[in-house]
Amino acid sequence: MKRVPEMDVSRLNTVLTILFDKIKNKNDDNQVLPVMWQMMHMFSCSQLSKLVAMKRGLDPELAGIIAALHDIGVIELNVRKEHGKKGGSLIIKWCETYNEQLAEEEGIITTSEIATIKEAVEHHSDKDIYTDEDYIELMKDVDALDRYLHGVETKDEYVSRCEKVLEELGIQTQNSVQETKNLLFSIH
């Protein structure tokens, strides 16, 4: 019987725990996005990013950490406009604090990984810009797909990215993402 290799995601699980602890005590008053959405989106993006990273031959834990932190600008700064770029400025300090407090027991987030996380967070909202940077593209694709899977209105480059990832994962949909969106929104 073939076994699935173990996946070490202790750093990711710690990052998610820290973020959940930070978010769970907020209420929706004065938040740019509902607290429940922030929690669901952070967790589901982390899970999806690991799957897509495995398919693309990338590090699933690093992809999960990027996904967990991709909306740090919304979580920490309570901004939606340019939250990626603004959130990117928080990443170095956030990861340094993690390393100072937790690296010994959970493992360090390396300087190279921090740079990758920062870039992916800063550029994840630029869905219409395609790059050769694997983790930036992964985060853009996963963010678009996760929003679609949660029923958030999907249009423009989000549709293209969703269809690309679904095809890449070998998931056949009866209709295209655009056709499904049109069908769903015509019911209301």
N, C-alpha and C. Protein backbone atom coordinates (compact mmCIF):
# COMPACT_ATOMS: atom_id res chain seq x y z
N MET A 1 0.83 -1.18 0.00
CA MET A 1 0.00 0.00 0.00
C MET A 1 0.88 1.24 0.00
N LYS A 2 0.61 2.13 -0.92
CA LYS A 2 1.38 3.35 -1.06
C LYS A 2 0.96 4.35 0.01
N ARG A 3 1.95 4.98 0.62
CA ARG A 3 1.67 5.97 1.66
C ARG A 3 1.91 7.38 1.14
N VAL A 4 1.11 8.29 1.62
CA VAL A 4 1.32 9.70 1.30
C VAL A 4 2.41 10.20 2.24
N PRO A 5 3.43 10.85 1.70
CA PRO A 5 4.50 11.34 2.58
C PRO A 5 3.97 12.38 3.56
N GLU A 6 4.57 12.39 4.74
CA GLU A 6 4.16 13.38 5.73
C GLU A 6 4.54 14.77 5.25
N MET A 7 3.73 15.74 5.64
CA MET A 7 3.97 17.12 5.25
C MET A 7 4.21 17.92 6.52
N ASP A 8 5.39 18.52 6.62
CA ASP A 8 5.70 19.35 7.77
C ASP A 8 5.19 20.76 7.51
N VAL A 9 4.16 21.12 8.22
CA VAL A 9 3.58 22.45 8.09
C VAL A 9 3.48 23.12 9.47
N SER A 10 4.43 22.82 10.32
CA SER A 10 4.38 23.37 11.68
C SER A 10 4.48 24.90 11.68
N ARG A 11 5.33 25.45 10.81
CA ARG A 11 5.41 26.92 10.74
C ARG A 11 4.09 27.51 10.28
N LEU A 12 3.51 26.93 9.25
CA LEU A 12 2.22 27.41 8.74
C LEU A 12 1.15 27.33 9.82
N ASN A 13 1.07 26.21 10.52
CA ASN A 13 0.05 26.07 11.55
C ASN A 13 0.23 27.11 12.65
N THR A 14 1.47 27.43 12.97
CA THR A 14 1.74 28.46 13.97
C THR A 14 1.32 29.83 13.46
N VAL A 15 1.65 30.13 12.20
CA VAL A 15 1.25 31.41 11.59
C VAL A 15 -0.27 31.54 11.61
N LEU A 16 -0.98 30.49 11.21
CA LEU A 16 -2.44 30.53 11.21
C LEU A 16 -2.99 30.74 12.62
N THR A 17 -2.40 30.07 13.60
CA THR A 17 -2.85 30.22 14.99
C THR A 17 -2.68 31.66 15.46
N ILE A 18 -1.53 32.25 15.17
CA ILE A 18 -1.29 33.65 15.55
C ILE A 18 -2.31 34.58 14.91
N LEU A 19 -2.55 34.39 13.62
CA LEU A 19 -3.49 35.25 12.90
C LEU A 19 -4.93 35.05 13.39
N PHE A 20 -5.33 33.79 13.62
CA PHE A 20 -6.67 33.52 14.14
C PHE A 20 -6.85 34.17 15.51
N ASP A 21 -5.83 34.07 16.36
CA ASP A 21 -5.92 34.71 17.68
C ASP A 21 -6.09 36.22 17.56
N LYS A 22 -5.43 36.80 16.58
CA LYS A 22 -5.53 38.25 16.37
C LYS A 22 -6.92 38.63 15.84
N ILE A 23 -7.46 37.84 14.94
CA ILE A 23 -8.73 38.15 14.29
C ILE A 23 -9.94 37.82 15.17
N LYS A 24 -9.88 36.73 15.89
CA LYS A 24 -11.08 36.21 16.56
C LYS A 24 -11.71 37.18 17.56
N ASN A 25 -10.95 38.08 18.12
CA ASN A 25 -11.49 39.02 19.10
C ASN A 25 -12.01 40.31 18.48
N LYS A 26 -11.92 40.42 17.16
CA LYS A 26 -12.45 41.60 16.49
C LYS A 26 -13.96 41.43 16.31
N ASN A 27 -14.64 42.53 16.13
CA ASN A 27 -16.03 42.45 15.70
C ASN A 27 -16.14 43.23 14.39
N ASP A 28 -17.25 43.08 13.74
CA ASP A 28 -17.41 43.67 12.40
C ASP A 28 -17.51 45.19 12.40
N ASP A 29 -17.74 45.79 13.55
CA ASP A 29 -17.82 47.24 13.63
C ASP A 29 -16.51 47.86 13.15
N ASN A 30 -16.62 48.79 12.24
CA ASN A 30 -15.46 49.52 11.71
C ASN A 30 -14.45 48.65 10.96
N GLN A 31 -14.83 47.46 10.53
CA GLN A 31 -13.94 46.61 9.74
C GLN A 31 -14.28 46.78 8.26
N VAL A 32 -13.26 46.83 7.40
CA VAL A 32 -13.51 46.99 5.97
C VAL A 32 -14.05 45.70 5.36
N LEU A 33 -13.77 44.56 6.00
CA LEU A 33 -14.32 43.27 5.58
C LEU A 33 -14.79 42.53 6.83
N PRO A 34 -15.88 41.77 6.73
CA PRO A 34 -16.36 41.03 7.90
C PRO A 34 -15.29 40.10 8.47
N VAL A 35 -15.28 40.01 9.78
CA VAL A 35 -14.28 39.19 10.48
C VAL A 35 -14.38 37.73 10.04
N MET A 36 -15.59 37.21 9.92
CA MET A 36 -15.75 35.81 9.50
C MET A 36 -15.15 35.58 8.13
N TRP A 37 -15.32 36.54 7.21
CA TRP A 37 -14.72 36.42 5.88
C TRP A 37 -13.19 36.38 6.00
N GLN A 38 -12.63 37.27 6.79
CA GLN A 38 -11.17 37.30 6.95
C GLN A 38 -10.65 35.93 7.40
N MET A 39 -11.36 35.32 8.35
CA MET A 39 -10.92 34.03 8.88
C MET A 39 -11.09 32.92 7.84
N MET A 40 -12.25 32.85 7.21
CA MET A 40 -12.51 31.80 6.22
C MET A 40 -11.54 31.91 5.05
N HIS A 41 -11.38 33.11 4.54
CA HIS A 41 -10.54 33.34 3.36
C HIS A 41 -9.07 33.01 3.66
N MET A 42 -8.61 33.39 4.83
CA MET A 42 -7.22 33.11 5.21
C MET A 42 -6.99 31.60 5.27
N PHE A 43 -7.88 30.89 5.92
CA PHE A 43 -7.70 29.45 6.07
C PHE A 43 -7.87 28.72 4.74
N SER A 44 -8.92 29.03 4.01
CA SER A 44 -9.15 28.30 2.76
C SER A 44 -8.08 28.61 1.71
N CYS A 45 -7.58 29.84 1.67
CA CYS A 45 -6.48 30.15 0.76
C CYS A 45 -5.23 29.35 1.14
N SER A 46 -4.99 29.19 2.43
CA SER A 46 -3.82 28.41 2.86
C SER A 46 -3.93 26.97 2.38
N GLN A 47 -5.11 26.39 2.51
CA GLN A 47 -5.30 25.00 2.08
C GLN A 47 -5.18 24.88 0.56
N LEU A 48 -5.87 25.75 -0.16
CA LEU A 48 -5.81 25.71 -1.62
C LEU A 48 -4.39 25.93 -2.13
N SER A 49 -3.67 26.84 -1.49
CA SER A 49 -2.32 27.15 -1.96
C SER A 49 -1.39 25.95 -1.81
N LYS A 50 -1.60 25.15 -0.78
CA LYS A 50 -0.77 23.95 -0.64
C LYS A 50 -1.03 22.98 -1.78
N LEU A 51 -2.29 22.82 -2.15
CA LEU A 51 -2.63 21.92 -3.27
C LEU A 51 -2.03 22.41 -4.58
N VAL A 52 -2.21 23.69 -4.86
CA VAL A 52 -1.69 24.24 -6.11
C VAL A 52 -0.16 24.19 -6.11
N ALA A 53 0.46 24.46 -4.98
CA ALA A 53 1.93 24.38 -4.89
C ALA A 53 2.41 22.96 -5.17
N MET A 54 1.73 21.98 -4.63
CA MET A 54 2.11 20.59 -4.88
C MET A 54 2.01 20.28 -6.37
N LYS A 55 0.95 20.73 -7.00
CA LYS A 55 0.75 20.50 -8.43
C LYS A 55 1.84 21.18 -9.25
N ARG A 56 2.29 22.35 -8.81
CA ARG A 56 3.30 23.12 -9.55
C ARG A 56 4.73 22.82 -9.13
N GLY A 57 4.93 21.92 -8.19
CA GLY A 57 6.28 21.58 -7.75
C GLY A 57 6.91 22.64 -6.85
N LEU A 58 6.08 23.39 -6.15
CA LEU A 58 6.57 24.43 -5.24
C LEU A 58 6.44 23.94 -3.80
N ASP A 59 7.01 24.67 -2.88
CA ASP A 59 6.98 24.32 -1.46
C ASP A 59 5.58 24.60 -0.90
N PRO A 60 4.84 23.55 -0.51
CA PRO A 60 3.47 23.76 -0.03
C PRO A 60 3.40 24.58 1.26
N GLU A 61 4.36 24.39 2.17
CA GLU A 61 4.30 25.16 3.40
C GLU A 61 4.54 26.65 3.14
N LEU A 62 5.52 26.96 2.33
CA LEU A 62 5.78 28.37 2.01
C LEU A 62 4.56 28.97 1.32
N ALA A 63 3.96 28.24 0.40
CA ALA A 63 2.75 28.73 -0.28
C ALA A 63 1.64 28.97 0.73
N GLY A 64 1.49 28.07 1.70
CA GLY A 64 0.47 28.24 2.73
C GLY A 64 0.72 29.44 3.61
N ILE A 65 1.98 29.69 3.95
CA ILE A 65 2.32 30.86 4.76
C ILE A 65 2.01 32.14 3.99
N ILE A 66 2.38 32.16 2.72
CA ILE A 66 2.06 33.33 1.88
C ILE A 66 0.55 33.56 1.88
N ALA A 67 -0.21 32.51 1.67
CA ALA A 67 -1.67 32.64 1.62
C ALA A 67 -2.24 33.11 2.96
N ALA A 68 -1.70 32.59 4.05
CA ALA A 68 -2.17 33.02 5.37
C ALA A 68 -1.94 34.51 5.58
N LEU A 69 -0.82 35.00 5.07
CA LEU A 69 -0.44 36.40 5.30
C LEU A 69 -0.85 37.35 4.17
N HIS A 70 -1.43 36.84 3.10
CA HIS A 70 -1.64 37.69 1.92
C HIS A 70 -2.56 38.89 2.19
N ASP A 71 -3.47 38.78 3.13
CA ASP A 71 -4.36 39.90 3.45
C ASP A 71 -3.99 40.55 4.79
N ILE A 72 -2.73 40.51 5.14
CA ILE A 72 -2.28 41.11 6.41
C ILE A 72 -2.59 42.61 6.46
N GLY A 73 -2.63 43.26 5.30
CA GLY A 73 -2.99 44.68 5.26
C GLY A 73 -4.42 44.91 5.72
N VAL A 74 -5.32 43.99 5.38
CA VAL A 74 -6.71 44.07 5.83
C VAL A 74 -6.76 43.79 7.34
N ILE A 75 -6.07 42.74 7.76
CA ILE A 75 -6.11 42.31 9.16
C ILE A 75 -5.47 43.33 10.08
N GLU A 76 -4.27 43.78 9.76
CA GLU A 76 -3.51 44.66 10.66
C GLU A 76 -3.85 46.15 10.49
N LEU A 77 -4.08 46.57 9.24
CA LEU A 77 -4.27 47.99 8.97
C LEU A 77 -5.72 48.38 8.71
N ASN A 78 -6.57 47.36 8.54
CA ASN A 78 -7.99 47.59 8.26
C ASN A 78 -8.18 48.45 7.01
N VAL A 79 -7.41 48.14 5.97
CA VAL A 79 -7.55 48.83 4.69
C VAL A 79 -7.84 47.80 3.60
N ARG A 80 -8.59 48.23 2.63
CA ARG A 80 -8.86 47.35 1.49
C ARG A 80 -8.13 47.84 0.24
N LYS A 81 -8.14 49.17 0.05
CA LYS A 81 -7.47 49.73 -1.11
C LYS A 81 -5.96 49.57 -0.94
N GLU A 82 -5.34 48.97 -1.95
CA GLU A 82 -3.89 48.71 -1.94
C GLU A 82 -3.43 47.95 -0.70
N HIS A 83 -4.29 47.06 -0.19
CA HIS A 83 -3.94 46.31 1.02
C HIS A 83 -2.75 45.38 0.79
N GLY A 84 -2.55 44.94 -0.44
CA GLY A 84 -1.39 44.08 -0.72
C GLY A 84 -0.09 44.85 -0.56
N LYS A 85 -0.01 45.98 -1.21
CA LYS A 85 1.21 46.80 -1.13
C LYS A 85 1.45 47.27 0.30
N LYS A 86 0.39 47.71 0.97
CA LYS A 86 0.53 48.17 2.34
C LYS A 86 0.85 47.01 3.28
N GLY A 87 0.27 45.86 3.01
CA GLY A 87 0.55 44.68 3.82
C GLY A 87 1.97 44.18 3.64
N GLY A 88 2.49 44.34 2.43
CA GLY A 88 3.87 43.92 2.17
C GLY A 88 4.86 44.62 3.08
N SER A 89 4.55 45.86 3.42
CA SER A 89 5.46 46.60 4.30
C SER A 89 5.47 46.04 5.72
N LEU A 90 4.47 45.25 6.07
CA LEU A 90 4.41 44.65 7.41
C LEU A 90 5.11 43.30 7.50
N ILE A 91 5.34 42.68 6.37
CA ILE A 91 5.82 41.29 6.34
C ILE A 91 7.18 41.11 7.01
N ILE A 92 8.13 41.95 6.70
CA ILE A 92 9.48 41.77 7.27
C ILE A 92 9.42 41.80 8.79
N LYS A 93 8.77 42.81 9.35
CA LYS A 93 8.66 42.92 10.80
C LYS A 93 7.89 41.74 11.38
N TRP A 94 6.80 41.35 10.73
CA TRP A 94 5.98 40.24 11.20
C TRP A 94 6.80 38.95 11.27
N CYS A 95 7.54 38.67 10.19
CA CYS A 95 8.35 37.45 10.14
C CYS A 95 9.54 37.52 11.11
N GLU A 96 10.13 38.69 11.26
CA GLU A 96 11.22 38.84 12.23
C GLU A 96 10.72 38.57 13.65
N THR A 97 9.55 39.07 13.99
CA THR A 97 8.96 38.81 15.30
C THR A 97 8.69 37.33 15.49
N TYR A 98 8.14 36.70 14.45
CA TYR A 98 7.92 35.24 14.48
C TYR A 98 9.24 34.53 14.77
N ASN A 99 10.28 34.89 14.02
CA ASN A 99 11.58 34.22 14.19
C ASN A 99 12.16 34.43 15.58
N GLU A 100 12.03 35.63 16.11
CA GLU A 100 12.56 35.91 17.45
C GLU A 100 11.84 35.09 18.51
N GLN A 101 10.55 34.92 18.36
CA GLN A 101 9.75 34.28 19.41
C GLN A 101 9.55 32.78 19.21
N LEU A 102 9.54 32.31 17.97
CA LEU A 102 9.09 30.94 17.71
C LEU A 102 10.02 30.08 16.86
N ALA A 103 11.03 30.66 16.26
CA ALA A 103 11.86 29.91 15.32
C ALA A 103 12.53 28.70 15.96
N GLU A 104 12.92 28.83 17.19
CA GLU A 104 13.63 27.73 17.85
C GLU A 104 12.77 26.47 17.94
N GLU A 105 11.49 26.64 18.24
CA GLU A 105 10.64 25.46 18.37
C GLU A 105 9.90 25.09 17.09
N GLU A 106 9.62 26.06 16.24
CA GLU A 106 8.83 25.78 15.04
C GLU A 106 9.64 25.80 13.74
N GLY A 107 10.80 26.41 13.76
CA GLY A 107 11.61 26.54 12.55
C GLY A 107 11.60 27.97 12.05
N ILE A 108 12.72 28.39 11.55
CA ILE A 108 12.90 29.77 11.10
C ILE A 108 12.23 30.00 9.74
N ILE A 109 11.75 31.21 9.54
CA ILE A 109 11.36 31.66 8.20
C ILE A 109 12.59 32.39 7.68
N THR A 110 13.21 31.83 6.65
CA THR A 110 14.49 32.33 6.17
C THR A 110 14.36 33.70 5.51
N THR A 111 15.48 34.37 5.37
CA THR A 111 15.51 35.67 4.70
C THR A 111 14.98 35.57 3.28
N SER A 112 15.34 34.52 2.59
CA SER A 112 14.87 34.30 1.22
C SER A 112 13.35 34.08 1.20
N GLU A 113 12.85 33.30 2.15
CA GLU A 113 11.41 33.07 2.23
C GLU A 113 10.66 34.37 2.56
N ILE A 114 11.23 35.16 3.46
CA ILE A 114 10.59 36.43 3.82
C ILE A 114 10.48 37.33 2.58
N ALA A 115 11.52 37.38 1.78
CA ALA A 115 11.49 38.19 0.55
C ALA A 115 10.41 37.68 -0.40
N THR A 116 10.28 36.36 -0.52
CA THR A 116 9.27 35.76 -1.39
C THR A 116 7.87 36.06 -0.87
N ILE A 117 7.68 35.93 0.43
CA ILE A 117 6.38 36.22 1.05
C ILE A 117 6.01 37.68 0.81
N LYS A 118 6.95 38.57 1.05
CA LYS A 118 6.71 40.01 0.88
C LYS A 118 6.29 40.33 -0.55
N GLU A 119 7.02 39.80 -1.52
CA GLU A 119 6.70 40.06 -2.93
C GLU A 119 5.32 39.54 -3.30
N ALA A 120 5.01 38.32 -2.86
CA ALA A 120 3.71 37.73 -3.20
C ALA A 120 2.56 38.50 -2.55
N VAL A 121 2.75 38.93 -1.30
CA VAL A 121 1.72 39.72 -0.63
C VAL A 121 1.53 41.06 -1.35
N GLU A 122 2.62 41.72 -1.67
CA GLU A 122 2.54 43.04 -2.32
C GLU A 122 1.84 42.99 -3.67
N HIS A 123 1.99 41.89 -4.40
CA HIS A 123 1.50 41.84 -5.79
C HIS A 123 0.28 40.95 -6.00
N HIS A 124 -0.26 40.36 -4.94
CA HIS A 124 -1.35 39.40 -5.14
C HIS A 124 -2.62 40.03 -5.71
N SER A 125 -2.80 41.31 -5.56
CA SER A 125 -4.01 41.96 -6.08
C SER A 125 -3.89 42.37 -7.54
N ASP A 126 -2.71 42.29 -8.10
CA ASP A 126 -2.48 42.68 -9.49
C ASP A 126 -2.84 41.53 -10.43
N LYS A 127 -4.11 41.15 -10.41
CA LYS A 127 -4.55 39.95 -11.15
C LYS A 127 -4.35 40.07 -12.65
N ASP A 128 -4.34 41.28 -13.17
CA ASP A 128 -4.22 41.49 -14.61
C ASP A 128 -2.76 41.51 -15.10
N ILE A 129 -1.82 41.44 -14.18
CA ILE A 129 -0.40 41.45 -14.53
C ILE A 129 0.15 40.04 -14.32
N TYR A 130 0.73 39.47 -15.37
CA TYR A 130 1.30 38.13 -15.30
C TYR A 130 2.82 38.25 -15.23
N THR A 131 3.43 37.47 -14.32
CA THR A 131 4.88 37.52 -14.12
C THR A 131 5.46 36.12 -14.24
N ASP A 132 6.78 36.04 -14.13
CA ASP A 132 7.46 34.75 -14.10
C ASP A 132 7.75 34.30 -12.67
N GLU A 133 7.20 35.01 -11.70
CA GLU A 133 7.45 34.71 -10.29
C GLU A 133 6.41 33.70 -9.81
N ASP A 134 6.87 32.47 -9.54
CA ASP A 134 5.96 31.37 -9.23
C ASP A 134 5.03 31.64 -8.05
N TYR A 135 5.56 32.15 -6.97
CA TYR A 135 4.73 32.33 -5.77
C TYR A 135 3.79 33.52 -5.90
N ILE A 136 4.19 34.53 -6.64
CA ILE A 136 3.28 35.66 -6.89
C ILE A 136 2.09 35.16 -7.71
N GLU A 137 2.37 34.42 -8.77
CA GLU A 137 1.30 33.90 -9.62
C GLU A 137 0.42 32.91 -8.86
N LEU A 138 1.03 32.06 -8.05
CA LEU A 138 0.26 31.12 -7.24
C LEU A 138 -0.72 31.87 -6.35
N MET A 139 -0.26 32.92 -5.68
CA MET A 139 -1.13 33.66 -4.76
C MET A 139 -2.25 34.37 -5.50
N LYS A 140 -1.95 34.93 -6.65
CA LYS A 140 -3.00 35.57 -7.45
C LYS A 140 -4.06 34.55 -7.85
N ASP A 141 -3.60 33.39 -8.32
CA ASP A 141 -4.51 32.34 -8.78
C ASP A 141 -5.37 31.81 -7.62
N VAL A 142 -4.73 31.52 -6.50
CA VAL A 142 -5.45 30.97 -5.35
C VAL A 142 -6.45 31.99 -4.79
N ASP A 143 -6.06 33.23 -4.71
CA ASP A 143 -6.95 34.27 -4.20
C ASP A 143 -8.19 34.36 -5.08
N ALA A 144 -8.01 34.36 -6.39
CA ALA A 144 -9.14 34.41 -7.32
C ALA A 144 -10.02 33.18 -7.17
N LEU A 145 -9.42 32.00 -7.13
CA LEU A 145 -10.18 30.77 -7.02
C LEU A 145 -10.94 30.69 -5.70
N ASP A 146 -10.31 31.09 -4.62
CA ASP A 146 -10.97 31.02 -3.32
C ASP A 146 -12.19 31.93 -3.27
N ARG A 147 -12.05 33.12 -3.80
CA ARG A 147 -13.20 34.03 -3.83
C ARG A 147 -14.35 33.40 -4.63
N TYR A 148 -14.02 32.82 -5.76
CA TYR A 148 -15.03 32.15 -6.60
C TYR A 148 -15.69 31.02 -5.82
N LEU A 149 -14.91 30.19 -5.16
CA LEU A 149 -15.46 29.05 -4.41
C LEU A 149 -16.33 29.47 -3.24
N HIS A 150 -16.11 30.69 -2.74
CA HIS A 150 -16.96 31.23 -1.66
C HIS A 150 -18.18 31.97 -2.22
N GLY A 151 -18.32 32.01 -3.54
CA GLY A 151 -19.48 32.66 -4.14
C GLY A 151 -19.37 34.16 -4.32
N VAL A 152 -18.15 34.69 -4.18
CA VAL A 152 -17.93 36.11 -4.39
C VAL A 152 -17.99 36.39 -5.89
N GLU A 153 -18.61 37.49 -6.27
CA GLU A 153 -18.72 37.81 -7.68
C GLU A 153 -17.35 37.75 -8.36
N THR A 154 -17.30 37.04 -9.47
CA THR A 154 -16.04 36.78 -10.16
C THR A 154 -16.12 37.37 -11.56
N LYS A 155 -15.16 38.24 -11.89
CA LYS A 155 -15.17 38.86 -13.21
C LYS A 155 -13.74 39.15 -13.65
N ASP A 156 -13.63 39.54 -14.91
CA ASP A 156 -12.36 39.97 -15.50
C ASP A 156 -11.26 38.92 -15.31
N GLU A 157 -10.10 39.35 -14.86
CA GLU A 157 -8.96 38.44 -14.72
C GLU A 157 -9.18 37.36 -13.67
N TYR A 158 -10.09 37.61 -12.73
CA TYR A 158 -10.40 36.58 -11.74
C TYR A 158 -10.95 35.34 -12.43
N VAL A 159 -11.80 35.54 -13.43
CA VAL A 159 -12.39 34.42 -14.17
C VAL A 159 -11.29 33.64 -14.89
N SER A 160 -10.41 34.35 -15.59
CA SER A 160 -9.33 33.69 -16.32
C SER A 160 -8.46 32.87 -15.39
N ARG A 161 -8.12 33.44 -14.23
CA ARG A 161 -7.27 32.74 -13.27
C ARG A 161 -7.99 31.52 -12.69
N CYS A 162 -9.26 31.65 -12.40
CA CYS A 162 -10.02 30.50 -11.88
C CYS A 162 -10.05 29.37 -12.89
N GLU A 163 -10.37 29.69 -14.11
CA GLU A 163 -10.45 28.66 -15.14
C GLU A 163 -9.10 27.99 -15.36
N LYS A 164 -8.03 28.78 -15.31
CA LYS A 164 -6.68 28.22 -15.48
C LYS A 164 -6.36 27.22 -14.37
N VAL A 165 -6.63 27.57 -13.13
CA VAL A 165 -6.30 26.69 -12.01
C VAL A 165 -7.19 25.45 -12.01
N LEU A 166 -8.47 25.61 -12.28
CA LEU A 166 -9.35 24.44 -12.33
C LEU A 166 -8.88 23.46 -13.40
N GLU A 167 -8.52 23.98 -14.55
CA GLU A 167 -8.01 23.12 -15.62
C GLU A 167 -6.70 22.46 -15.20
N GLU A 168 -5.82 23.23 -14.59
CA GLU A 168 -4.53 22.71 -14.14
C GLU A 168 -4.71 21.57 -13.13
N LEU A 169 -5.72 21.69 -12.29
CA LEU A 169 -5.99 20.66 -11.29
C LEU A 169 -6.81 19.50 -11.85
N GLY A 170 -7.16 19.61 -13.13
CA GLY A 170 -7.92 18.54 -13.77
C GLY A 170 -9.38 18.51 -13.35
N ILE A 171 -9.89 19.64 -12.94
CA ILE A 171 -11.28 19.72 -12.51
C ILE A 171 -12.12 20.22 -13.68
N GLN A 172 -13.02 19.36 -14.10
CA GLN A 172 -13.91 19.70 -15.19
C GLN A 172 -15.16 20.34 -14.61
N THR A 173 -15.54 21.47 -15.13
CA THR A 173 -16.79 22.07 -14.71
C THR A 173 -17.76 21.95 -15.86
N GLN A 174 -19.02 21.78 -15.52
CA GLN A 174 -20.04 21.66 -16.55
C GLN A 174 -20.07 22.92 -17.41
N ASN A 175 -19.94 24.03 -16.75
CA ASN A 175 -19.92 25.33 -17.43
C ASN A 175 -18.60 26.01 -17.10
N SER A 176 -18.25 27.00 -17.88
CA SER A 176 -17.08 27.79 -17.53
C SER A 176 -17.40 28.60 -16.28
N VAL A 177 -16.39 29.15 -15.65
CA VAL A 177 -16.59 29.99 -14.47
C VAL A 177 -17.52 31.14 -14.82
N GLN A 178 -17.32 31.76 -15.98
CA GLN A 178 -18.16 32.89 -16.40
C GLN A 178 -19.60 32.44 -16.58
N GLU A 179 -19.84 31.29 -17.22
CA GLU A 179 -21.20 30.80 -17.42
C GLU A 179 -21.86 30.48 -16.09
N THR A 180 -21.11 29.87 -15.17
CA THR A 180 -21.65 29.55 -13.85
C THR A 180 -22.01 30.83 -13.11
N LYS A 181 -21.15 31.83 -13.17
CA LYS A 181 -21.41 33.12 -12.53
C LYS A 181 -22.69 33.74 -13.09
N ASN A 182 -22.81 33.73 -14.40
CA ASN A 182 -24.01 34.31 -15.03
C ASN A 182 -25.25 33.57 -14.61
N LEU A 183 -25.17 32.25 -14.53
CA LEU A 183 -26.31 31.42 -14.12
C LEU A 183 -26.69 31.73 -12.67
N LEU A 184 -25.71 31.78 -11.79
CA LEU A 184 -25.97 32.05 -10.37
C LEU A 184 -26.60 33.42 -10.16
N PHE A 185 -26.08 34.42 -10.82
CA PHE A 185 -26.57 35.78 -10.60
C PHE A 185 -27.89 36.03 -11.33
N SER A 186 -28.26 35.21 -12.31
CA SER A 186 -29.54 35.39 -12.97
C SER A 186 -30.68 34.79 -12.15
N ILE A 187 -30.35 33.89 -11.21
CA ILE A 187 -31.36 33.26 -10.35
C ILE A 187 -31.93 34.27 -9.36
N HIS A 188 -31.10 35.17 -8.89
CA HIS A 188 -31.53 36.15 -7.88
C HIS A 188 -32.43 37.12 -8.52
